[in-house]
PDB file of N, CA and C in Angstrom:
ATOM      1  N   MET A   1      -4.238 -16.236  11.720  1.00  0.00           N
ATOM      2  CA  MET A   1      -5.282 -17.227  11.838  1.00  0.00           C
ATOM      3  C   MET A   1      -6.465 -16.801  10.963  1.00  0.00           C
ATOM      4  N   LEU A   2      -7.172 -17.774  10.457  1.00  0.00           N
ATOM      5  CA  LEU A   2      -8.325 -17.526   9.597  1.00  0.00           C
ATOM      6  C   LEU A   2      -9.618 -17.893  10.315  1.00  0.00           C
ATOM      7  N   ILE A   3     -10.668 -17.172  10.012  1.00  0.00           N
ATOM      8  CA  ILE A   3     -12.006 -17.498  10.477  1.00  0.00           C
ATOM      9  C   ILE A   3     -12.875 -17.684   9.244  1.00  0.00           C
ATOM     10  N   ILE A   4     -13.666 -18.747   9.256  1.00  0.00           N
ATOM     11  CA  ILE A   4     -14.485 -19.096   8.100  1.00  0.00           C
ATOM     12  C   ILE A   4     -15.958 -18.940   8.459  1.00  0.00           C
ATOM     13  N   PHE A   5     -16.667 -18.142   7.647  1.00  0.00           N
ATOM     14  CA  PHE A   5     -18.112 -18.010   7.766  1.00  0.00           C
ATOM     15  C   PHE A   5     -18.727 -19.005   6.794  1.00  0.00           C
ATOM     16  N   LYS A   6     -19.706 -19.783   7.291  1.00  0.00           N
ATOM     17  CA  LYS A   6     -20.314 -20.825   6.469  1.00  0.00           C
ATOM     18  C   LYS A   6     -21.836 -20.669   6.435  1.00  0.00           C
ATOM     19  N   SER A   7     -22.387 -21.004   5.276  1.00  0.00           N
ATOM     20  CA  SER A   7     -23.833 -21.011   5.100  1.00  0.00           C
ATOM     21  C   SER A   7     -24.165 -22.004   3.994  1.00  0.00           C
ATOM     22  N   ALA A   8     -25.277 -22.676   4.165  1.00  0.00           N
ATOM     23  CA  ALA A   8     -25.723 -23.593   3.116  1.00  0.00           C
ATOM     24  C   ALA A   8     -26.204 -22.835   1.883  1.00  0.00           C
ATOM     25  N   ALA A   9     -26.375 -21.521   2.005  1.00  0.00           N
ATOM     26  CA  ALA A   9     -26.884 -20.706   0.907  1.00  0.00           C
ATOM     27  C   ALA A   9     -25.831 -20.350  -0.131  1.00  0.00           C
ATOM     28  N   CYS A  10     -24.550 -20.403   0.258  1.00  0.00           N
ATOM     29  CA  CYS A  10     -23.500 -20.017  -0.692  1.00  0.00           C
ATOM     30  C   CYS A  10     -22.143 -20.530  -0.215  1.00  0.00           C
ATOM     31  N   SER A  11     -21.123 -20.155  -0.931  1.00  0.00           N
ATOM     32  CA  SER A  11     -19.761 -20.595  -0.618  1.00  0.00           C
ATOM     33  C   SER A  11     -19.282 -20.027   0.706  1.00  0.00           C
ATOM     34  N   ASP A  12     -18.276 -20.678   1.268  1.00  0.00           N
ATOM     35  CA  ASP A  12     -17.673 -20.200   2.502  1.00  0.00           C
ATOM     36  C   ASP A  12     -16.972 -18.865   2.268  1.00  0.00           C
ATOM     37  N   LEU A  13     -16.923 -18.068   3.329  1.00  0.00           N
ATOM     38  CA  LEU A  13     -16.198 -16.806   3.306  1.00  0.00           C
ATOM     39  C   LEU A  13     -15.039 -16.940   4.288  1.00  0.00           C
ATOM     40  N   ILE A  14     -13.832 -16.902   3.765  1.00  0.00           N
ATOM     41  CA  ILE A  14     -12.630 -17.050   4.579  1.00  0.00           C
ATOM     42  C   ILE A  14     -12.044 -15.671   4.822  1.00  0.00           C
ATOM     43  N   THR A  15     -11.856 -15.329   6.115  1.00  0.00           N
ATOM     44  CA  THR A  15     -11.351 -14.011   6.473  1.00  0.00           C
ATOM     45  C   THR A  15     -10.207 -14.131   7.472  1.00  0.00           C
ATOM     46  N   PHE A  16      -9.380 -13.103   7.510  1.00  0.00           N
ATOM     47  CA  PHE A  16      -8.365 -13.033   8.547  1.00  0.00           C
ATOM     48  C   PHE A  16      -9.060 -12.758   9.871  1.00  0.00           C
ATOM     49  N   GLU A  17      -8.496 -13.284  10.932  1.00  0.00           N
ATOM     50  CA  GLU A  17      -9.103 -13.190  12.254  1.00  0.00           C
ATOM     51  C   GLU A  17      -9.393 -11.739  12.642  1.00  0.00           C
ATOM     52  N   LYS A  18      -8.456 -10.841  12.416  1.00  0.00           N
ATOM     53  CA  LYS A  18      -8.623  -9.428  12.782  1.00  0.00           C
ATOM     54  C   LYS A  18      -9.864  -8.841  12.106  1.00  0.00           C
ATOM     55  N   ASP A  19     -10.024  -9.106  10.834  1.00  0.00           N
ATOM     56  CA  ASP A  19     -11.160  -8.563  10.084  1.00  0.00           C
ATOM     57  C   ASP A  19     -12.471  -9.215  10.534  1.00  0.00           C
ATOM     58  N   ALA A  20     -12.438 -10.518  10.757  1.00  0.00           N
ATOM     59  CA  ALA A  20     -13.638 -11.228  11.203  1.00  0.00           C
ATOM     60  C   ALA A  20     -14.091 -10.728  12.565  1.00  0.00           C
ATOM     61  N   ARG A  21     -13.155 -10.524  13.457  1.00  0.00           N
ATOM     62  CA  ARG A  21     -13.507 -10.051  14.801  1.00  0.00           C
ATOM     63  C   ARG A  21     -14.155  -8.672  14.742  1.00  0.00           C
ATOM     64  N   GLN A  22     -13.670  -7.826  13.869  1.00  0.00           N
ATOM     65  CA  GLN A  22     -14.260  -6.498  13.702  1.00  0.00           C
ATOM     66  C   GLN A  22     -15.703  -6.611  13.191  1.00  0.00           C
ATOM     67  N   MET A  23     -15.933  -7.493  12.244  1.00  0.00           N
ATOM     68  CA  MET A  23     -17.286  -7.681  11.710  1.00  0.00           C
ATOM     69  C   MET A  23     -18.203  -8.322  12.742  1.00  0.00           C
ATOM     70  N   LEU A  24     -17.690  -9.280  13.508  1.00  0.00           N
ATOM     71  CA  LEU A  24     -18.492  -9.916  14.559  1.00  0.00           C
ATOM     72  C   LEU A  24     -18.890  -8.905  15.628  1.00  0.00           C
ATOM     73  N   TYR A  25     -17.998  -8.001  15.950  1.00  0.00           N
ATOM     74  CA  TYR A  25     -18.305  -6.945  16.919  1.00  0.00           C
ATOM     75  C   TYR A  25     -19.484  -6.105  16.413  1.00  0.00           C
ATOM     76  N   VAL A  26     -19.448  -5.732  15.147  1.00  0.00           N
ATOM     77  CA  VAL A  26     -20.541  -4.957  14.556  1.00  0.00           C
ATOM     78  C   VAL A  26     -21.857  -5.734  14.633  1.00  0.00           C
ATOM     79  N   LEU A  27     -21.788  -7.037  14.439  1.00  0.00           N
ATOM     80  CA  LEU A  27     -22.991  -7.869  14.485  1.00  0.00           C
ATOM     81  C   LEU A  27     -23.503  -8.091  15.903  1.00  0.00           C
ATOM     82  N   GLY A  28     -22.724  -7.656  16.893  1.00  0.00           N
ATOM     83  CA  GLY A  28     -23.129  -7.851  18.270  1.00  0.00           C
ATOM     84  C   GLY A  28     -22.822  -9.240  18.798  1.00  0.00           C
ATOM     85  N   LYS A  29     -21.932  -9.918  18.134  1.00  0.00           N
ATOM     86  CA  LYS A  29     -21.511 -11.257  18.557  1.00  0.00           C
ATOM     87  C   LYS A  29     -20.221 -11.167  19.347  1.00  0.00           C
ATOM     88  N   ASP A  30     -19.984 -12.150  20.205  1.00  0.00           N
ATOM     89  CA  ASP A  30     -18.758 -12.184  20.991  1.00  0.00           C
ATOM     90  C   ASP A  30     -17.599 -12.511  20.061  1.00  0.00           C
ATOM     91  N   SER A  31     -16.776 -11.508  19.819  1.00  0.00           N
ATOM     92  CA  SER A  31     -15.684 -11.685  18.856  1.00  0.00           C
ATOM     93  C   SER A  31     -14.539 -12.519  19.416  1.00  0.00           C
ATOM     94  N   THR A  32     -14.591 -12.857  20.707  1.00  0.00           N
ATOM     95  CA  THR A  32     -13.537 -13.689  21.278  1.00  0.00           C
ATOM     96  C   THR A  32     -13.865 -15.172  21.177  1.00  0.00           C
ATOM     97  N   ASP A  33     -15.122 -15.489  20.851  1.00  0.00           N
ATOM     98  CA  ASP A  33     -15.497 -16.893  20.654  1.00  0.00           C
ATOM     99  C   ASP A  33     -14.845 -17.432  19.393  1.00  0.00           C
ATOM    100  N   GLY A  34     -14.377 -18.638  19.447  1.00  0.00           N
ATOM    101  CA  GLY A  34     -13.770 -19.264  18.291  1.00  0.00           C
ATOM    102  C   GLY A  34     -14.787 -19.736  17.263  1.00  0.00           C
ATOM    103  N   GLN A  35     -16.038 -19.799  17.693  1.00  0.00           N
ATOM    104  CA  GLN A  35     -17.094 -20.225  16.773  1.00  0.00           C
ATOM    105  C   GLN A  35     -18.427 -19.673  17.258  1.00  0.00           C
ATOM    106  N   GLY A  36     -19.391 -19.659  16.364  1.00  0.00           N
ATOM    107  CA  GLY A  36     -20.706 -19.149  16.734  1.00  0.00           C
ATOM    108  C   GLY A  36     -21.697 -19.275  15.596  1.00  0.00           C
ATOM    109  N   ILE A  37     -22.855 -18.671  15.814  1.00  0.00           N
ATOM    110  CA  ILE A  37     -23.934 -18.782  14.837  1.00  0.00           C
ATOM    111  C   ILE A  37     -24.744 -17.491  14.801  1.00  0.00           C
ATOM    112  N   VAL A  38     -25.205 -17.162  13.612  1.00  0.00           N
ATOM    113  CA  VAL A  38     -26.223 -16.141  13.417  1.00  0.00           C
ATOM    114  C   VAL A  38     -27.447 -16.923  12.959  1.00  0.00           C
ATOM    115  N   THR A  39     -28.438 -16.988  13.822  1.00  0.00           N
ATOM    116  CA  THR A  39     -29.631 -17.771  13.499  1.00  0.00           C
ATOM    117  C   THR A  39     -30.455 -17.062  12.429  1.00  0.00           C
ATOM    118  N   VAL A  40     -31.364 -17.791  11.845  1.00  0.00           N
ATOM    119  CA  VAL A  40     -32.247 -17.212  10.824  1.00  0.00           C
ATOM    120  C   VAL A  40     -33.011 -16.026  11.413  1.00  0.00           C
ATOM    121  N   GLU A  41     -33.431 -16.153  12.661  1.00  0.00           N
ATOM    122  CA  GLU A  41     -34.181 -15.076  13.315  1.00  0.00           C
ATOM    123  C   GLU A  41     -33.317 -13.838  13.543  1.00  0.00           C
ATOM    124  N   GLN A  42     -32.010 -14.022  13.717  1.00  0.00           N
ATOM    125  CA  GLN A  42     -31.087 -12.912  13.959  1.00  0.00           C
ATOM    126  C   GLN A  42     -30.600 -12.251  12.669  1.00  0.00           C
ATOM    127  N   LEU A  43     -30.804 -12.903  11.541  1.00  0.00           N
ATOM    128  CA  LEU A  43     -30.260 -12.392  10.278  1.00  0.00           C
ATOM    129  C   LEU A  43     -30.746 -10.986   9.915  1.00  0.00           C
ATOM    130  N   PRO A  44     -32.042 -10.667  10.001  1.00  0.00           N
ATOM    131  CA  PRO A  44     -32.457  -9.308   9.612  1.00  0.00           C
ATOM    132  C   PRO A  44     -31.750  -8.212  10.420  1.00  0.00           C
ATOM    133  N   ALA A  45     -31.635  -8.384  11.721  1.00  0.00           N
ATOM    134  CA  ALA A  45     -30.951  -7.385  12.553  1.00  0.00           C
ATOM    135  C   ALA A  45     -29.460  -7.335  12.221  1.00  0.00           C
ATOM    136  N   ALA A  46     -28.849  -8.495  11.983  1.00  0.00           N
ATOM    137  CA  ALA A  46     -27.424  -8.544  11.643  1.00  0.00           C
ATOM    138  C   ALA A  46     -27.165  -7.829  10.320  1.00  0.00           C
ATOM    139  N   ILE A  47     -28.032  -8.054   9.352  1.00  0.00           N
ATOM    140  CA  ILE A  47     -27.895  -7.396   8.044  1.00  0.00           C
ATOM    141  C   ILE A  47     -28.022  -5.889   8.200  1.00  0.00           C
ATOM    142  N   LYS A  48     -28.977  -5.458   8.982  1.00  0.00           N
ATOM    143  CA  LYS A  48     -29.187  -4.025   9.204  1.00  0.00           C
ATOM    144  C   LYS A  48     -27.961  -3.386   9.856  1.00  0.00           C
ATOM    145  N   LYS A  49     -27.422  -4.019  10.887  1.00  0.00           N
ATOM    146  CA  LYS A  49     -26.241  -3.490  11.584  1.00  0.00           C
ATOM    147  C   LYS A  49     -25.032  -3.422  10.661  1.00  0.00           C
ATOM    148  N   LEU A  50     -24.816  -4.493   9.917  1.00  0.00           N
ATOM    149  CA  LEU A  50     -23.652  -4.540   9.034  1.00  0.00           C
ATOM    150  C   LEU A  50     -23.788  -3.529   7.904  1.00  0.00           C
ATOM    151  N   ARG A  51     -24.971  -3.413   7.339  1.00  0.00           N
ATOM    152  CA  ARG A  51     -25.209  -2.449   6.258  1.00  0.00           C
ATOM    153  C   ARG A  51     -24.942  -1.023   6.760  1.00  0.00           C
ATOM    154  N   GLN A  52     -25.410  -0.710   7.969  1.00  0.00           N
ATOM    155  CA  GLN A  52     -25.198   0.616   8.540  1.00  0.00           C
ATOM    156  C   GLN A  52     -23.706   0.886   8.756  1.00  0.00           C
ATOM    157  N   ALA A  53     -22.989  -0.094   9.283  1.00  0.00           N
ATOM    158  CA  ALA A  53     -21.548   0.067   9.506  1.00  0.00           C
ATOM    159  C   ALA A  53     -20.794   0.249   8.187  1.00  0.00           C
ATOM    160  N   ILE A  54     -21.224  -0.461   7.167  1.00  0.00           N
ATOM    161  CA  ILE A  54     -20.596  -0.324   5.845  1.00  0.00           C
ATOM    162  C   ILE A  54     -20.827   1.081   5.305  1.00  0.00           C
ATOM    163  N   GLU A  55     -22.061   1.562   5.393  1.00  0.00           N
ATOM    164  CA  GLU A  55     -22.385   2.906   4.897  1.00  0.00           C
ATOM    165  C   GLU A  55     -21.582   3.972   5.635  1.00  0.00           C
ATOM    166  N   GLU A  56     -21.452   3.831   6.952  1.00  0.00           N
ATOM    167  CA  GLU A  56     -20.664   4.784   7.736  1.00  0.00           C
ATOM    168  C   GLU A  56     -19.198   4.744   7.326  1.00  0.00           C
ATOM    169  N   ASP A  57     -18.670   3.549   7.104  1.00  0.00           N
ATOM    170  CA  ASP A  57     -17.271   3.414   6.711  1.00  0.00           C
ATOM    171  C   ASP A  57     -17.032   4.000   5.324  1.00  0.00           C
ATOM    172  N   VAL A  58     -17.969   3.803   4.420  1.00  0.00           N
ATOM    173  CA  VAL A  58     -17.830   4.376   3.076  1.00  0.00           C
ATOM    174  C   VAL A  58     -17.756   5.895   3.166  1.00  0.00           C
ATOM    175  N   THR A  59     -18.594   6.486   4.000  1.00  0.00           N
ATOM    176  CA  THR A  59     -18.593   7.943   4.176  1.00  0.00           C
ATOM    177  C   THR A  59     -17.260   8.419   4.743  1.00  0.00           C
ATOM    178  N   VAL A  60     -16.773   7.744   5.771  1.00  0.00           N
ATOM    179  CA  VAL A  60     -15.493   8.113   6.385  1.00  0.00           C
ATOM    180  C   VAL A  60     -14.360   7.953   5.381  1.00  0.00           C
ATOM    181  N   CYS A  61     -14.369   6.868   4.651  1.00  0.00           N
ATOM    182  CA  CYS A  61     -13.301   6.612   3.675  1.00  0.00           C
ATOM    183  C   CYS A  61     -13.307   7.647   2.559  1.00  0.00           C
ATOM    184  N   ALA A  62     -14.483   8.052   2.120  1.00  0.00           N
ATOM    185  CA  ALA A  62     -14.578   9.063   1.063  1.00  0.00           C
ATOM    186  C   ALA A  62     -13.981  10.384   1.545  1.00  0.00           C
ATOM    187  N   THR A  63     -14.269  10.736   2.782  1.00  0.00           N
ATOM    188  CA  THR A  63     -13.715  11.963   3.361  1.00  0.00           C
ATOM    189  C   THR A  63     -12.206  11.843   3.506  1.00  0.00           C
ATOM    190  N   ASP A  64     -11.748  10.721   4.041  1.00  0.00           N
ATOM    191  CA  ASP A  64     -10.309  10.501   4.221  1.00  0.00           C
ATOM    192  C   ASP A  64      -9.580  10.480   2.882  1.00  0.00           C
ATOM    193  N   GLU A  65     -10.194   9.864   1.877  1.00  0.00           N
ATOM    194  CA  GLU A  65      -9.569   9.779   0.560  1.00  0.00           C
ATOM    195  C   GLU A  65      -9.430  11.162  -0.054  1.00  0.00           C
ATOM    196  N   SER A  66     -10.441  11.980   0.118  1.00  0.00           N
ATOM    197  CA  SER A  66     -10.387  13.344  -0.394  1.00  0.00           C
ATOM    198  C   SER A  66      -9.251  14.121   0.264  1.00  0.00           C
ATOM    199  N   LYS A  67      -9.120  13.985   1.578  1.00  0.00           N
ATOM    200  CA  LYS A  67      -8.035  14.654   2.302  1.00  0.00           C
ATOM    201  C   LYS A  67      -6.681  14.124   1.857  1.00  0.00           C
ATOM    202  N   MET A  68      -6.586  12.800   1.642  1.00  0.00           N
ATOM    203  CA  MET A  68      -5.328  12.190   1.242  1.00  0.00           C
ATOM    204  C   MET A  68      -4.920  12.661  -0.159  1.00  0.00           C
ATOM    205  N   ARG A  69      -5.887  12.763  -1.059  1.00  0.00           N
ATOM    206  CA  ARG A  69      -5.576  13.239  -2.415  1.00  0.00           C
ATOM    207  C   ARG A  69      -5.041  14.661  -2.375  1.00  0.00           C
ATOM    208  N   GLN A  70      -5.664  15.487  -1.560  1.00  0.00           N
ATOM    209  CA  GLN A  70      -5.221  16.861  -1.435  1.00  0.00           C
ATOM    210  C   GLN A  70      -3.806  16.913  -0.863  1.00  0.00           C
ATOM    211  N   SER A  71      -3.544  16.115   0.160  1.00  0.00           N
ATOM    212  CA  SER A  71      -2.222  16.069   0.782  1.00  0.00           C
ATOM    213  C   SER A  71      -1.179  15.545  -0.196  1.00  0.00           C
ATOM    214  N   THR A  72      -1.517  14.515  -0.945  1.00  0.00           N
ATOM    215  CA  THR A  72      -0.603  13.920  -1.918  1.00  0.00           C
ATOM    216  C   THR A  72      -0.274  14.923  -3.017  1.00  0.00           C
ATOM    217  N   ALA A  73      -1.270  15.653  -3.457  1.00  0.00           N
ATOM    218  CA  ALA A  73      -1.054  16.658  -4.498  1.00  0.00           C
ATOM    219  C   ALA A  73      -0.147  17.775  -3.995  1.00  0.00           C
ATOM    220  N   GLU A  74      -0.271  18.119  -2.726  1.00  0.00           N
ATOM    221  CA  GLU A  74       0.525  19.208  -2.168  1.00  0.00           C
ATOM    222  C   GLU A  74       1.978  18.819  -1.941  1.00  0.00           C
ATOM    223  N   ASP A  75       2.213  17.609  -1.429  1.00  0.00           N
ATOM    224  CA  ASP A  75       3.594  17.244  -1.093  1.00  0.00           C
ATOM    225  C   ASP A  75       4.211  16.197  -2.016  1.00  0.00           C
ATOM    226  N   GLY A  76       3.431  15.673  -2.950  1.00  0.00           N
ATOM    227  CA  GLY A  76       3.958  14.729  -3.916  1.00  0.00           C
ATOM    228  C   GLY A  76       4.167  13.327  -3.396  1.00  0.00           C
ATOM    229  N   SER A  77       3.751  13.054  -2.149  1.00  0.00           N
ATOM    230  CA  SER A  77       3.934  11.709  -1.594  1.00  0.00           C
ATOM    231  C   SER A  77       2.901  10.755  -2.173  1.00  0.00           C
ATOM    232  N   ASP A  78       3.215   9.490  -2.088  1.00  0.00           N
ATOM    233  CA  ASP A  78       2.300   8.461  -2.589  1.00  0.00           C
ATOM    234  C   ASP A  78       2.001   7.499  -1.456  1.00  0.00           C
ATOM    235  N   GLU A  79       0.836   7.642  -0.834  1.00  0.00           N
ATOM    236  CA  GLU A  79       0.441   6.787   0.279  1.00  0.00           C
ATOM    237  C   GLU A  79      -0.142   5.488  -0.260  1.00  0.00           C
ATOM    238  N   GLY A  80       0.145   4.369   0.397  1.00  0.00           N
ATOM    239  CA  GLY A  80      -0.392   3.082  -0.016  1.00  0.00           C
ATOM    240  C   GLY A  80      -1.873   2.973   0.300  1.00  0.00           C
ATOM    241  N   ASP A  81      -2.579   2.217  -0.502  1.00  0.00           N
ATOM    242  CA  ASP A  81      -4.006   2.018  -0.278  1.00  0.00           C
ATOM    243  C   ASP A  81      -4.207   0.884   0.714  1.00  0.00           C
ATOM    244  N   ALA A  82      -4.936   1.181   1.774  1.00  0.00           N
ATOM    245  CA  ALA A  82      -5.287   0.166   2.763  1.00  0.00           C
ATOM    246  C   ALA A  82      -6.662  -0.391   2.418  1.00  0.00           C
ATOM    247  N   VAL A  83      -6.909  -1.618   2.805  1.00  0.00           N
ATOM    248  CA  VAL A  83      -8.221  -2.224   2.592  1.00  0.00           C
ATOM    249  C   VAL A  83      -9.092  -1.806   3.767  1.00  0.00           C
ATOM    250  N   SER A  84     -10.201  -1.169   3.484  1.00  0.00           N
ATOM    251  CA  SER A  84     -11.052  -0.626   4.530  1.00  0.00           C
ATOM    252  C   SER A  84     -12.066  -1.655   5.014  1.00  0.00           C
ATOM    253  N   PHE A  85     -12.727  -1.303   6.115  1.00  0.00           N
ATOM    254  CA  PHE A  85     -13.724  -2.181   6.711  1.00  0.00           C
ATOM    255  C   PHE A  85     -14.792  -2.573   5.699  1.00  0.00           C
ATOM    256  N   HIS A  86     -15.325  -1.606   4.975  1.00  0.00           N
ATOM    257  CA  HIS A  86     -16.434  -1.932   4.070  1.00  0.00           C
ATOM    258  C   HIS A  86     -16.015  -2.899   2.969  1.00  0.00           C
ATOM    259  N   GLN A  87     -14.773  -2.855   2.565  1.00  0.00           N
ATOM    260  CA  GLN A  87     -14.311  -3.785   1.541  1.00  0.00           C
ATOM    261  C   GLN A  87     -14.260  -5.221   2.075  1.00  0.00           C
ATOM    262  N   HIS A  88     -13.967  -5.370   3.350  1.00  0.00           N
ATOM    263  CA  HIS A  88     -13.977  -6.696   3.976  1.00  0.00           C
ATOM    264  C   HIS A  88     -15.409  -7.148   4.269  1.00  0.00           C
ATOM    265  N   ALA A  89     -16.278  -6.202   4.617  1.00  0.00           N
ATOM    266  CA  ALA A  89     -17.616  -6.532   5.115  1.00  0.00           C
ATOM    267  C   ALA A  89     -18.641  -6.822   4.023  1.00  0.00           C
ATOM    268  N   VAL A  90     -18.477  -6.290   2.839  1.00  0.00           N
ATOM    269  CA  VAL A  90     -19.472  -6.497   1.779  1.00  0.00           C
ATOM    270  C   VAL A  90     -19.671  -7.987   1.460  1.00  0.00           C
ATOM    271  N   PRO A  91     -18.627  -8.793   1.346  1.00  0.00           N
ATOM    272  CA  PRO A  91     -18.875 -10.223   1.101  1.00  0.00           C
ATOM    273  C   PRO A  91     -19.667 -10.898   2.223  1.00  0.00           C
ATOM    274  N   LEU A  92     -19.429 -10.491   3.480  1.00  0.00           N
ATOM    275  CA  LEU A  92     -20.206 -11.050   4.584  1.00  0.00           C
ATOM    276  C   LEU A  92     -21.658 -10.592   4.494  1.00  0.00           C
ATOM    277  N   LEU A  93     -21.879  -9.347   4.127  1.00  0.00           N
ATOM    278  CA  LEU A  93     -23.242  -8.853   3.953  1.00  0.00           C
ATOM    279  C   LEU A  93     -23.976  -9.680   2.892  1.00  0.00           C
ATOM    280  N   GLU A  94     -23.313  -9.958   1.789  1.00  0.00           N
ATOM    281  CA  GLU A  94     -23.925 -10.774   0.733  1.00  0.00           C
ATOM    282  C   GLU A  94     -24.237 -12.185   1.237  1.00  0.00           C
ATOM    283  N   LEU A  95     -23.336 -12.762   2.025  1.00  0.00           N
ATOM    284  CA  LEU A  95     -23.564 -14.093   2.592  1.00  0.00           C
ATOM    285  C   LEU A  95     -24.773 -14.068   3.530  1.00  0.00           C
ATOM    286  N   LEU A  96     -24.873 -13.043   4.372  1.00  0.00           N
ATOM    287  CA  LEU A  96     -26.017 -12.928   5.279  1.00  0.00           C
ATOM    288  C   LEU A  96     -27.332 -12.761   4.507  1.00  0.00           C
ATOM    289  N   GLU A  97     -27.313 -11.940   3.474  1.00  0.00           N
ATOM    290  CA  GLU A  97     -28.529 -11.711   2.685  1.00  0.00           C
ATOM    291  C   GLU A  97     -28.979 -12.979   1.959  1.00  0.00           C
ATOM    292  N   ARG A  98     -28.050 -13.709   1.381  1.00  0.00           N
ATOM    293  CA  ARG A  98     -28.410 -14.969   0.715  1.00  0.00           C
ATOM    294  C   ARG A  98     -28.940 -15.991   1.724  1.00  0.00           C
ATOM    295  N   SER A  99     -28.332 -16.007   2.897  1.00  0.00           N
ATOM    296  CA  SER A  99     -28.782 -16.925   3.947  1.00  0.00           C
ATOM    297  C   SER A  99     -30.201 -16.594   4.385  1.00  0.00           C
ATOM    298  N   LEU A 100     -30.514 -15.319   4.474  1.00  0.00           N
ATOM    299  CA  LEU A 100     -31.869 -14.915   4.842  1.00  0.00           C
ATOM    300  C   LEU A 100     -32.861 -15.325   3.758  1.00  0.00           C
ATOM    301  N   GLN A 101     -32.492 -15.132   2.506  1.00  0.00           N
ATOM    302  CA  GLN A 101     -33.372 -15.522   1.396  1.00  0.00           C
ATOM    303  C   GLN A 101     -33.693 -17.011   1.444  1.00  0.00           C
ATOM    304  N   GLU A 102     -32.692 -17.806   1.779  1.00  0.00           N
ATOM    305  CA  GLU A 102     -32.885 -19.260   1.805  1.00  0.00           C
ATOM    306  C   GLU A 102     -33.252 -19.785   3.202  1.00  0.00           C
ATOM    307  N   ARG A 103     -33.351 -18.854   4.165  1.00  0.00           N
ATOM    308  CA  ARG A 103     -33.761 -19.193   5.534  1.00  0.00           C
ATOM    309  C   ARG A 103     -32.847 -20.243   6.172  1.00  0.00           C
ATOM    310  N   VAL A 104     -31.534 -19.999   6.070  1.00  0.00           N
ATOM    311  CA  VAL A 104     -30.544 -20.874   6.700  1.00  0.00           C
ATOM    312  C   VAL A 104     -29.609 -20.044   7.580  1.00  0.00           C
ATOM    313  N   PRO A 105     -29.112 -20.602   8.653  1.00  0.00           N
ATOM    314  CA  PRO A 105     -28.220 -19.848   9.549  1.00  0.00           C
ATOM    315  C   PRO A 105     -26.814 -19.698   8.980  1.00  0.00           C
ATOM    316  N   VAL A 106     -26.057 -18.796   9.583  1.00  0.00           N
ATOM    317  CA  VAL A 106     -24.655 -18.595   9.238  1.00  0.00           C
ATOM    318  C   VAL A 106     -23.834 -18.977  10.474  1.00  0.00           C
ATOM    319  N   THR A 107     -22.826 -19.778  10.271  1.00  0.00           N
ATOM    320  CA  THR A 107     -21.935 -20.156  11.368  1.00  0.00           C
ATOM    321  C   THR A 107     -20.534 -19.640  11.055  1.00  0.00           C
ATOM    322  N   TRP A 108     -19.730 -19.551  12.096  1.00  0.00           N
ATOM    323  CA  TRP A 108     -18.335 -19.223  11.878  1.00  0.00           C
ATOM    324  C   TRP A 108     -17.481 -20.018  12.840  1.00  0.00           C
ATOM    325  N   GLY A 109     -16.243 -20.188  12.423  1.00  0.00           N
ATOM    326  CA  GLY A 109     -15.307 -20.934  13.254  1.00  0.00           C
ATOM    327  C   GLY A 109     -13.898 -20.810  12.726  1.00  0.00           C
ATOM    328  N   VAL A 110     -12.983 -21.264  13.549  1.00  0.00           N
ATOM    329  CA  VAL A 110     -11.554 -21.201  13.213  1.00  0.00           C
ATOM    330  C   VAL A 110     -11.210 -22.348  12.285  1.00  0.00           C
TER     331      VAL A 110
END
């Protein structure tokens, strides 16, 4: 299932439900709701939370990647690259920031 984030400030952001629910959890929104809104007043806090989660994920991924490279070099295995949280979340962060600049809310729905 797909969840679509919408804002009058920019194009829609279409995400897989699993990824959207993870981002909604970070934003402090009920991830079980099929739809919702981030009001203009909530945008600064939402941006701050999402930015912090992205920074933490980048740090964790850098550490994990370093360990994986070392392991791969030692045993010759080739592990597949997974898409991390921050890679999914950066487009939502950009949508939230543009929405704040234009003072419009962000909605989401199935």
